[in-house]
């Protein structure tokens, strides 16, 4: 009986470790997250100005996963969604 309890405890511990590892990897697999304190965010006006310099028309700006998520219309008329680092205003997640 004591052997079964030890085995059950070992299995339960292994399961918790496996689940915790999976949770940690889930964050690593999400490169589009920005980790910038709110005090370091540039204002929305700076986001709009930076994108207008590219020749883009800003359709909407919101925050998502700690990043700015912006819908724009490019100079060719194409609608795009871009995630920007709120401190540097550089695109994240491979988007341009």
PDB file of N, CA and C in Angstrom:
ATOM      1  N   UNK A   1       0.824  -1.197   0.000  1.00  0.00           N
ATOM      2  CA  UNK A   1       0.000   0.000   0.000  1.00  0.00           C
ATOM      3  C   UNK A   1       0.870   1.264   0.000  1.00  0.00           C
ATOM      4  N   UNK A   2       1.895   1.255   0.841  1.00  0.00           N
ATOM      5  CA  UNK A   2       2.785   2.404   0.918  1.00  0.00           C
ATOM      6  C   UNK A   2       3.517   2.615  -0.411  1.00  0.00           C
ATOM      7  N   UNK A   3       3.851   1.531  -1.070  1.00  0.00           N
ATOM      8  CA  UNK A   3       4.522   1.596  -2.370  1.00  0.00           C
ATOM      9  C   UNK A   3       3.618   2.268  -3.414  1.00  0.00           C
ATOM     10  N   UNK A   4       2.326   1.953  -3.381  1.00  0.00           N
ATOM     11  CA  UNK A   4       1.379   2.570  -4.325  1.00  0.00           C
ATOM     12  C   UNK A   4       1.263   4.076  -4.098  1.00  0.00           C
ATOM     13  N   UNK A   5       1.245   4.501  -2.823  1.00  0.00           N
ATOM     14  CA  UNK A   5       1.166   5.937  -2.528  1.00  0.00           C
ATOM     15  C   UNK A   5       2.408   6.660  -3.035  1.00  0.00           C
ATOM     16  N   UNK A   6       3.555   6.036  -2.865  1.00  0.00           N
ATOM     17  CA  UNK A   6       4.799   6.639  -3.359  1.00  0.00           C
ATOM     18  C   UNK A   6       4.797   6.747  -4.872  1.00  0.00           C
ATOM     19  N   UNK A   7       4.319   5.719  -5.526  1.00  0.00           N
ATOM     20  CA  UNK A   7       4.228   5.732  -6.981  1.00  0.00           C
ATOM     21  C   UNK A   7       3.241   6.798  -7.459  1.00  0.00           C
ATOM     22  N   UNK A   8       2.097   6.906  -6.797  1.00  0.00           N
ATOM     23  CA  UNK A   8       1.095   7.915  -7.158  1.00  0.00           C
ATOM     24  C   UNK A   8       1.653   9.325  -6.965  1.00  0.00           C
ATOM     25  N   UNK A   9       2.370   9.536  -5.873  1.00  0.00           N
ATOM     26  CA  UNK A   9       2.955  10.860  -5.615  1.00  0.00           C
ATOM     27  C   UNK A   9       4.002  11.192  -6.675  1.00  0.00           C
ATOM     28  N   UNK A  10       4.797  10.209  -7.063  1.00  0.00           N
ATOM     29  CA  UNK A  10       5.818  10.426  -8.087  1.00  0.00           C
ATOM     30  C   UNK A  10       5.164  10.764  -9.424  1.00  0.00           C
ATOM     31  N   UNK A  11       4.123  10.042  -9.790  1.00  0.00           N
ATOM     32  CA  UNK A  11       3.420  10.313 -11.043  1.00  0.00           C
ATOM     33  C   UNK A  11       2.773  11.692 -11.029  1.00  0.00           C
ATOM     34  N   UNK A  12       2.152  12.043  -9.904  1.00  0.00           N
ATOM     35  CA  UNK A  12       1.512  13.356  -9.800  1.00  0.00           C
ATOM     36  C   UNK A  12       2.553  14.463  -9.914  1.00  0.00           C
ATOM     37  N   UNK A  13       3.693  14.286  -9.262  1.00  0.00           N
ATOM     38  CA  UNK A  13       4.765  15.281  -9.352  1.00  0.00           C
ATOM     39  C   UNK A  13       5.289  15.419 -10.764  1.00  0.00           C
ATOM     40  N   UNK A  14       5.464  14.288 -11.435  1.00  0.00           N
ATOM     41  CA  UNK A  14       5.940  14.319 -12.827  1.00  0.00           C
ATOM     42  C   UNK A  14       4.951  15.030 -13.738  1.00  0.00           C
ATOM     43  N   UNK A  15       3.680  14.793 -13.511  1.00  0.00           N
ATOM     44  CA  UNK A  15       2.641  15.445 -14.313  1.00  0.00           C
ATOM     45  C   UNK A  15       2.663  16.956 -14.109  1.00  0.00           C
ATOM     46  N   UNK A  16       2.817  17.393 -12.866  1.00  0.00           N
ATOM     47  CA  UNK A  16       2.868  18.836 -12.586  1.00  0.00           C
ATOM     48  C   UNK A  16       4.084  19.480 -13.253  1.00  0.00           C
ATOM     49  N   UNK A  17       5.214  18.805 -13.192  1.00  0.00           N
ATOM     50  CA  UNK A  17       6.420  19.346 -13.832  1.00  0.00           C
ATOM     51  C   UNK A  17       6.224  19.435 -15.345  1.00  0.00           C
ATOM     52  N   UNK A  18       5.636  18.410 -15.930  1.00  0.00           N
ATOM     53  CA  UNK A  18       5.391  18.416 -17.381  1.00  0.00           C
ATOM     54  C   UNK A  18       4.440  19.534 -17.779  1.00  0.00           C
ATOM     55  N   UNK A  19       3.383  19.724 -16.994  1.00  0.00           N
ATOM     56  CA  UNK A  19       2.426  20.789 -17.299  1.00  0.00           C
ATOM     57  C   UNK A  19       3.058  22.162 -17.144  1.00  0.00           C
ATOM     58  N   UNK A  20       3.845  22.340 -16.105  1.00  0.00           N
ATOM     59  CA  UNK A  20       4.502  23.637 -15.896  1.00  0.00           C
ATOM     60  C   UNK A  20       5.461  23.933 -17.031  1.00  0.00           C
ATOM     61  N   UNK A  21       6.167  22.930 -17.503  1.00  0.00           N
ATOM     62  CA  UNK A  21       7.067  23.116 -18.639  1.00  0.00           C
ATOM     63  C   UNK A  21       6.316  23.499 -19.889  1.00  0.00           C
ATOM     64  N   UNK A  22       5.145  22.915 -20.102  1.00  0.00           N
ATOM     65  CA  UNK A  22       4.326  23.245 -21.260  1.00  0.00           C
ATOM     66  C   UNK A  22       3.828  24.670 -21.206  1.00  0.00           C
ATOM     67  N   UNK A  23       3.481  25.127 -20.027  1.00  0.00           N
ATOM     68  CA  UNK A  23       3.013  26.504 -19.865  1.00  0.00           C
ATOM     69  C   UNK A  23       4.157  27.472 -20.152  1.00  0.00           C
ATOM     70  N   UNK A  24       5.333  27.177 -19.643  1.00  0.00           N
ATOM     71  CA  UNK A  24       6.477  28.057 -19.890  1.00  0.00           C
ATOM     72  C   UNK A  24       6.801  28.106 -21.380  1.00  0.00           C
ATOM     73  N   UNK A  25       6.743  26.984 -22.071  1.00  0.00           N
ATOM     74  CA  UNK A  25       7.023  26.970 -23.500  1.00  0.00           C
ATOM     75  C   UNK A  25       5.973  27.733 -24.295  1.00  0.00           C
ATOM     76  N   UNK A  26       4.738  27.739 -23.807  1.00  0.00           N
ATOM     77  CA  UNK A  26       3.685  28.455 -24.530  1.00  0.00           C
ATOM     78  C   UNK A  26       4.032  29.933 -24.629  1.00  0.00           C
ATOM     79  N   UNK A  27       4.597  30.526 -23.578  1.00  0.00           N
ATOM     80  CA  UNK A  27       4.996  31.924 -23.628  1.00  0.00           C
ATOM     81  C   UNK A  27       6.171  32.125 -24.583  1.00  0.00           C
ATOM     82  N   UNK A  28       7.107  31.171 -24.601  1.00  0.00           N
ATOM     83  CA  UNK A  28       8.254  31.285 -25.485  1.00  0.00           C
ATOM     84  C   UNK A  28       7.842  31.186 -26.946  1.00  0.00           C
ATOM     85  N   UNK A  29       6.757  30.478 -27.221  1.00  0.00           N
ATOM     86  CA  UNK A  29       6.295  30.293 -28.592  1.00  0.00           C
ATOM     87  C   UNK A  29       5.492  31.487 -29.100  1.00  0.00           C
ATOM     88  N   UNK A  30       5.343  32.514 -28.300  1.00  0.00           N
ATOM     89  CA  UNK A  30       4.528  33.664 -28.676  1.00  0.00           C
ATOM     90  C   UNK A  30       5.425  34.895 -28.802  1.00  0.00           C
ATOM     91  N   UNK A  31       6.176  35.014 -29.902  1.00  0.00           N
ATOM     92  CA  UNK A  31       7.130  36.103 -30.037  1.00  0.00           C
ATOM     93  C   UNK A  31       6.490  37.474 -30.214  1.00  0.00           C
ATOM     94  N   UNK A  32       5.188  37.528 -30.450  1.00  0.00           N
ATOM     95  CA  UNK A  32       4.536  38.806 -30.712  1.00  0.00           C
ATOM     96  C   UNK A  32       4.184  39.553 -29.436  1.00  0.00           C
ATOM     97  N   UNK A  33       4.575  39.020 -28.292  1.00  0.00           N
ATOM     98  CA  UNK A  33       4.321  39.709 -27.030  1.00  0.00           C
ATOM     99  C   UNK A  33       5.372  40.770 -26.801  1.00  0.00           C
ATOM    100  N   UNK A  34       4.932  41.922 -26.363  1.00  0.00           N
ATOM    101  CA  UNK A  34       5.853  42.991 -26.005  1.00  0.00           C
ATOM    102  C   UNK A  34       5.873  43.083 -24.485  1.00  0.00           C
ATOM    103  N   UNK A  35       7.045  43.264 -23.929  1.00  0.00           N
ATOM    104  CA  UNK A  35       7.181  43.337 -22.478  1.00  0.00           C
ATOM    105  C   UNK A  35       7.752  44.702 -22.117  1.00  0.00           C
ATOM    106  N   UNK A  36       6.925  45.722 -22.286  1.00  0.00           N
ATOM    107  CA  UNK A  36       7.358  47.094 -22.058  1.00  0.00           C
ATOM    108  C   UNK A  36       6.474  47.707 -20.983  1.00  0.00           C
ATOM    109  N   UNK A  37       7.072  48.267 -19.920  1.00  0.00           N
ATOM    110  CA  UNK A  37       6.260  48.928 -18.894  1.00  0.00           C
ATOM    111  C   UNK A  37       5.441  50.067 -19.514  1.00  0.00           C
ATOM    112  N   UNK A  38       4.244  50.251 -19.009  1.00  0.00           N
ATOM    113  CA  UNK A  38       3.327  51.245 -19.563  1.00  0.00           C
ATOM    114  C   UNK A  38       3.944  52.644 -19.608  1.00  0.00           C
ATOM    115  N   UNK A  39       4.783  52.965 -18.642  1.00  0.00           N
ATOM    116  CA  UNK A  39       5.425  54.283 -18.608  1.00  0.00           C
ATOM    117  C   UNK A  39       6.389  54.518 -19.757  1.00  0.00           C
ATOM    118  N   UNK A  40       6.848  53.430 -20.409  1.00  0.00           N
ATOM    119  CA  UNK A  40       7.788  53.545 -21.531  1.00  0.00           C
ATOM    120  C   UNK A  40       7.108  53.541 -22.893  1.00  0.00           C
ATOM    121  N   UNK A  41       5.784  53.411 -22.914  1.00  0.00           N
ATOM    122  CA  UNK A  41       5.058  53.392 -24.190  1.00  0.00           C
ATOM    123  C   UNK A  41       5.081  54.778 -24.815  1.00  0.00           C
ATOM    124  N   UNK A  42       5.265  54.809 -26.131  1.00  0.00           N
ATOM    125  CA  UNK A  42       5.126  56.069 -26.853  1.00  0.00           C
ATOM    126  C   UNK A  42       3.635  56.342 -27.044  1.00  0.00           C
ATOM    127  N   UNK A  43       3.242  57.603 -27.117  1.00  0.00           N
ATOM    128  CA  UNK A  43       1.815  57.925 -27.284  1.00  0.00           C
ATOM    129  C   UNK A  43       1.300  57.512 -28.666  1.00  0.00           C
ATOM    130  N   UNK A  44      -0.024  57.383 -28.754  1.00  0.00           N
ATOM    131  CA  UNK A  44      -0.644  57.004 -30.032  1.00  0.00           C
ATOM    132  C   UNK A  44      -0.316  57.983 -31.146  1.00  0.00           C
ATOM    133  N   UNK A  45      -0.175  59.241 -30.797  1.00  0.00           N
ATOM    134  CA  UNK A  45       0.165  60.239 -31.820  1.00  0.00           C
ATOM    135  C   UNK A  45       1.518  59.915 -32.455  1.00  0.00           C
ATOM    136  N   UNK A  46       2.458  59.398 -31.666  1.00  0.00           N
ATOM    137  CA  UNK A  46       3.765  59.014 -32.205  1.00  0.00           C
ATOM    138  C   UNK A  46       3.629  57.797 -33.118  1.00  0.00           C
ATOM    139  N   UNK A  47       2.733  56.870 -32.767  1.00  0.00           N
ATOM    140  CA  UNK A  47       2.477  55.699 -33.622  1.00  0.00           C
ATOM    141  C   UNK A  47       1.952  56.165 -34.971  1.00  0.00           C
ATOM    142  N   UNK A  48       0.954  57.030 -34.940  1.00  0.00           N
ATOM    143  CA  UNK A  48       0.359  57.521 -36.176  1.00  0.00           C
ATOM    144  C   UNK A  48       1.382  58.276 -37.020  1.00  0.00           C
ATOM    145  N   UNK A  49       2.196  59.106 -36.373  1.00  0.00           N
ATOM    146  CA  UNK A  49       3.201  59.876 -37.112  1.00  0.00           C
ATOM    147  C   UNK A  49       4.233  58.962 -37.758  1.00  0.00           C
ATOM    148  N   UNK A  50       4.679  57.928 -37.035  1.00  0.00           N
ATOM    149  CA  UNK A  50       5.681  57.006 -37.580  1.00  0.00           C
ATOM    150  C   UNK A  50       5.141  56.250 -38.790  1.00  0.00           C
ATOM    151  N   UNK A  51       3.890  55.849 -38.728  1.00  0.00           N
ATOM    152  CA  UNK A  51       3.304  55.108 -39.844  1.00  0.00           C
ATOM    153  C   UNK A  51       2.980  56.023 -41.024  1.00  0.00           C
ATOM    154  N   UNK A  52       2.594  57.248 -40.737  1.00  0.00           N
ATOM    155  CA  UNK A  52       2.337  58.204 -41.814  1.00  0.00           C
ATOM    156  C   UNK A  52       3.622  58.539 -42.572  1.00  0.00           C
ATOM    157  N   UNK A  53       4.774  58.499 -41.856  1.00  0.00           N
ATOM    158  CA  UNK A  53       6.060  58.725 -42.525  1.00  0.00           C
ATOM    159  C   UNK A  53       6.346  57.634 -43.553  1.00  0.00           C
ATOM    160  N   UNK A  54       5.790  56.443 -43.333  1.00  0.00           N
ATOM    161  CA  UNK A  54       5.935  55.336 -44.294  1.00  0.00           C
ATOM    162  C   UNK A  54       4.957  55.475 -45.455  1.00  0.00           C
ATOM    163  N   UNK A  55       4.076  56.446 -45.378  1.00  0.00           N
ATOM    164  CA  UNK A  55       3.087  56.629 -46.424  1.00  0.00           C
ATOM    165  C   UNK A  55       1.806  55.860 -46.157  1.00  0.00           C
ATOM    166  N   UNK A  56       1.636  55.400 -44.932  1.00  0.00           N
ATOM    167  CA  UNK A  56       0.466  54.605 -44.574  1.00  0.00           C
ATOM    168  C   UNK A  56      -0.584  55.468 -43.898  1.00  0.00           C
ATOM    169  N   UNK A  57      -1.846  55.132 -44.127  1.00  0.00           N
ATOM    170  CA  UNK A  57      -2.971  55.784 -43.451  1.00  0.00           C
ATOM    171  C   UNK A  57      -3.396  54.889 -42.302  1.00  0.00           C
ATOM    172  N   UNK A  58      -3.433  55.437 -41.103  1.00  0.00           N
ATOM    173  CA  UNK A  58      -3.800  54.664 -39.917  1.00  0.00           C
ATOM    174  C   UNK A  58      -5.317  54.579 -39.836  1.00  0.00           C
ATOM    175  N   UNK A  59      -5.832  53.355 -39.793  1.00  0.00           N
ATOM    176  CA  UNK A  59      -7.272  53.132 -39.692  1.00  0.00           C
ATOM    177  C   UNK A  59      -7.708  52.923 -38.243  1.00  0.00           C
ATOM    178  N   UNK A  60      -6.871  52.227 -37.462  1.00  0.00           N
ATOM    179  CA  UNK A  60      -7.177  52.037 -36.034  1.00  0.00           C
ATOM    180  C   UNK A  60      -5.912  51.674 -35.294  1.00  0.00           C
ATOM    181  N   UNK A  61      -5.906  52.001 -33.993  1.00  0.00           N
ATOM    182  CA  UNK A  61      -4.790  51.682 -33.106  1.00  0.00           C
ATOM    183  C   UNK A  61      -5.381  51.142 -31.819  1.00  0.00           C
ATOM    184  N   UNK A  62      -4.867  49.974 -31.387  1.00  0.00           N
ATOM    185  CA  UNK A  62      -5.274  49.427 -30.088  1.00  0.00           C
ATOM    186  C   UNK A  62      -4.100  48.661 -29.515  1.00  0.00           C
ATOM    187  N   UNK A  63      -4.234  48.215 -28.275  1.00  0.00           N
ATOM    188  CA  UNK A  63      -3.170  47.409 -27.673  1.00  0.00           C
ATOM    189  C   UNK A  63      -3.597  45.948 -27.661  1.00  0.00           C
ATOM    190  N   UNK A  64      -2.610  45.053 -27.842  1.00  0.00           N
ATOM    191  CA  UNK A  64      -2.863  43.612 -27.863  1.00  0.00           C
ATOM    192  C   UNK A  64      -1.569  42.906 -27.481  1.00  0.00           C
ATOM    193  N   UNK A  65      -1.624  42.017 -26.500  1.00  0.00           N
ATOM    194  CA  UNK A  65      -0.444  41.284 -26.026  1.00  0.00           C
ATOM    195  C   UNK A  65       0.683  42.229 -25.626  1.00  0.00           C
ATOM    196  N   UNK A  66       0.347  43.400 -25.125  1.00  0.00           N
ATOM    197  CA  UNK A  66       1.359  44.355 -24.703  1.00  0.00           C
ATOM    198  C   UNK A  66       1.991  45.133 -25.839  1.00  0.00           C
ATOM    199  N   UNK A  67       1.466  44.977 -27.041  1.00  0.00           N
ATOM    200  CA  UNK A  67       1.977  45.687 -28.221  1.00  0.00           C
ATOM    201  C   UNK A  67       0.892  46.629 -28.744  1.00  0.00           C
ATOM    202  N   UNK A  68       1.303  47.548 -29.590  1.00  0.00           N
ATOM    203  CA  UNK A  68       0.320  48.287 -30.361  1.00  0.00           C
ATOM    204  C   UNK A  68      -0.088  47.402 -31.532  1.00  0.00           C
ATOM    205  N   UNK A  69      -1.372  47.266 -31.779  1.00  0.00           N
ATOM    206  CA  UNK A  69      -1.872  46.559 -32.952  1.00  0.00           C
ATOM    207  C   UNK A  69      -2.568  47.603 -33.809  1.00  0.00           C
ATOM    208  N   UNK A  70      -2.063  47.764 -35.020  1.00  0.00           N
ATOM    209  CA  UNK A  70      -2.507  48.864 -35.875  1.00  0.00           C
ATOM    210  C   UNK A  70      -3.037  48.316 -37.192  1.00  0.00           C
ATOM    211  N   UNK A  71      -4.161  48.846 -37.621  1.00  0.00           N
ATOM    212  CA  UNK A  71      -4.672  48.563 -38.965  1.00  0.00           C
ATOM    213  C   UNK A  71      -4.345  49.782 -39.809  1.00  0.00           C
ATOM    214  N   UNK A  72      -3.749  49.511 -40.973  1.00  0.00           N
ATOM    215  CA  UNK A  72      -3.336  50.608 -41.853  1.00  0.00           C
ATOM    216  C   UNK A  72      -3.743  50.310 -43.290  1.00  0.00           C
ATOM    217  N   UNK A  73      -3.725  51.349 -44.084  1.00  0.00           N
ATOM    218  CA  UNK A  73      -3.846  51.215 -45.530  1.00  0.00           C
ATOM    219  C   UNK A  73      -2.516  51.721 -46.091  1.00  0.00           C
ATOM    220  N   UNK A  74      -1.867  50.871 -46.882  1.00  0.00           N
ATOM    221  CA  UNK A  74      -0.560  51.239 -47.439  1.00  0.00           C
ATOM    222  C   UNK A  74      -0.736  52.238 -48.573  1.00  0.00           C
ATOM    223  N   UNK A  75       0.403  52.723 -49.066  1.00  0.00           N
ATOM    224  CA  UNK A  75       0.354  53.696 -50.161  1.00  0.00           C
ATOM    225  C   UNK A  75      -0.234  53.099 -51.431  1.00  0.00           C
ATOM    226  N   UNK A  76      -0.246  51.759 -51.527  1.00  0.00           N
ATOM    227  CA  UNK A  76      -0.841  51.093 -52.694  1.00  0.00           C
ATOM    228  C   UNK A  76      -2.308  50.735 -52.466  1.00  0.00           C
ATOM    229  N   UNK A  77      -2.846  51.083 -51.304  1.00  0.00           N
ATOM    230  CA  UNK A  77      -4.250  50.824 -51.003  1.00  0.00           C
ATOM    231  C   UNK A  77      -4.507  49.507 -50.294  1.00  0.00           C
ATOM    232  N   UNK A  78      -3.467  48.726 -50.032  1.00  0.00           N
ATOM    233  CA  UNK A  78      -3.614  47.436 -49.351  1.00  0.00           C
ATOM    234  C   UNK A  78      -3.861  47.654 -47.854  1.00  0.00           C
ATOM    235  N   UNK A  79      -4.837  46.914 -47.308  1.00  0.00           N
ATOM    236  CA  UNK A  79      -5.073  46.966 -45.864  1.00  0.00           C
ATOM    237  C   UNK A  79      -4.172  45.960 -45.182  1.00  0.00           C
ATOM    238  N   UNK A  80      -3.517  46.386 -44.096  1.00  0.00           N
ATOM    239  CA  UNK A  80      -2.602  45.513 -43.360  1.00  0.00           C
ATOM    240  C   UNK A  80      -2.816  45.683 -41.869  1.00  0.00           C
ATOM    241  N   UNK A  81      -2.432  44.643 -41.134  1.00  0.00           N
ATOM    242  CA  UNK A  81      -2.393  44.698 -39.665  1.00  0.00           C
ATOM    243  C   UNK A  81      -0.941  44.568 -39.251  1.00  0.00           C
ATOM    244  N   UNK A  82      -0.505  45.426 -38.364  1.00  0.00           N
ATOM    245  CA  UNK A  82       0.883  45.438 -37.926  1.00  0.00           C
ATOM    246  C   UNK A  82       0.919  45.534 -36.411  1.00  0.00           C
ATOM    247  N   UNK A  83       1.776  44.712 -35.774  1.00  0.00           N
ATOM    248  CA  UNK A  83       2.018  44.832 -34.337  1.00  0.00           C
ATOM    249  C   UNK A  83       3.324  45.573 -34.152  1.00  0.00           C
ATOM    250  N   UNK A  84       3.302  46.568 -33.283  1.00  0.00           N
ATOM    251  CA  UNK A  84       4.478  47.389 -33.045  1.00  0.00           C
ATOM    252  C   UNK A  84       4.911  47.311 -31.590  1.00  0.00           C
ATOM    253  N   UNK A  85       6.220  47.308 -31.365  1.00  0.00           N
ATOM    254  CA  UNK A  85       6.755  47.436 -30.017  1.00  0.00           C
ATOM    255  C   UNK A  85       6.387  48.838 -29.538  1.00  0.00           C
ATOM    256  N   UNK A  86       5.752  48.975 -28.370  1.00  0.00           N
ATOM    257  CA  UNK A  86       5.278  50.286 -27.941  1.00  0.00           C
ATOM    258  C   UNK A  86       6.378  51.264 -27.553  1.00  0.00           C
ATOM    259  N   UNK A  87       7.583  50.773 -27.330  1.00  0.00           N
ATOM    260  CA  UNK A  87       8.696  51.659 -26.975  1.00  0.00           C
ATOM    261  C   UNK A  87       9.452  52.130 -28.207  1.00  0.00           C
ATOM    262  N   UNK A  88       9.754  51.191 -29.116  1.00  0.00           N
ATOM    263  CA  UNK A  88      10.569  51.516 -30.289  1.00  0.00           C
ATOM    264  C   UNK A  88       9.740  51.792 -31.540  1.00  0.00           C
ATOM    265  N   UNK A  89       8.493  51.363 -31.524  1.00  0.00           N
ATOM    266  CA  UNK A  89       7.580  51.456 -32.665  1.00  0.00           C
ATOM    267  C   UNK A  89       8.072  50.646 -33.861  1.00  0.00           C
ATOM    268  N   UNK A  90       8.910  49.645 -33.587  1.00  0.00           N
ATOM    269  CA  UNK A  90       9.373  48.727 -34.618  1.00  0.00           C
ATOM    270  C   UNK A  90       8.372  47.570 -34.728  1.00  0.00           C
ATOM    271  N   UNK A  91       8.151  47.051 -35.942  1.00  0.00           N
ATOM    272  CA  UNK A  91       7.260  45.891 -36.104  1.00  0.00           C
ATOM    273  C   UNK A  91       7.794  44.672 -35.354  1.00  0.00           C
ATOM    274  N   UNK A  92       6.883  43.895 -34.781  1.00  0.00           N
ATOM    275  CA  UNK A  92       7.241  42.644 -34.111  1.00  0.00           C
ATOM    276  C   UNK A  92       6.526  41.500 -34.838  1.00  0.00           C
ATOM    277  N   UNK A  93       6.990  40.285 -34.603  1.00  0.00           N
ATOM    278  CA  UNK A  93       6.376  39.077 -35.167  1.00  0.00           C
ATOM    279  C   UNK A  93       6.561  38.983 -36.667  1.00  0.00           C
ATOM    280  N   UNK A  94       7.661  39.517 -37.161  1.00  0.00           N
ATOM    281  CA  UNK A  94       7.968  39.358 -38.577  1.00  0.00           C
ATOM    282  C   UNK A  94       7.118  40.199 -39.502  1.00  0.00           C
ATOM    283  N   UNK A  95       6.229  41.009 -38.970  1.00  0.00           N
ATOM    284  CA  UNK A  95       5.403  41.860 -39.828  1.00  0.00           C
ATOM    285  C   UNK A  95       6.159  43.130 -40.145  1.00  0.00           C
ATOM    286  N   UNK A  96       5.802  43.774 -41.214  1.00  0.00           N
ATOM    287  CA  UNK A  96       6.466  45.005 -41.611  1.00  0.00           C
ATOM    288  C   UNK A  96       5.450  46.128 -41.701  1.00  0.00           C
TER     289      UNK A  96
END
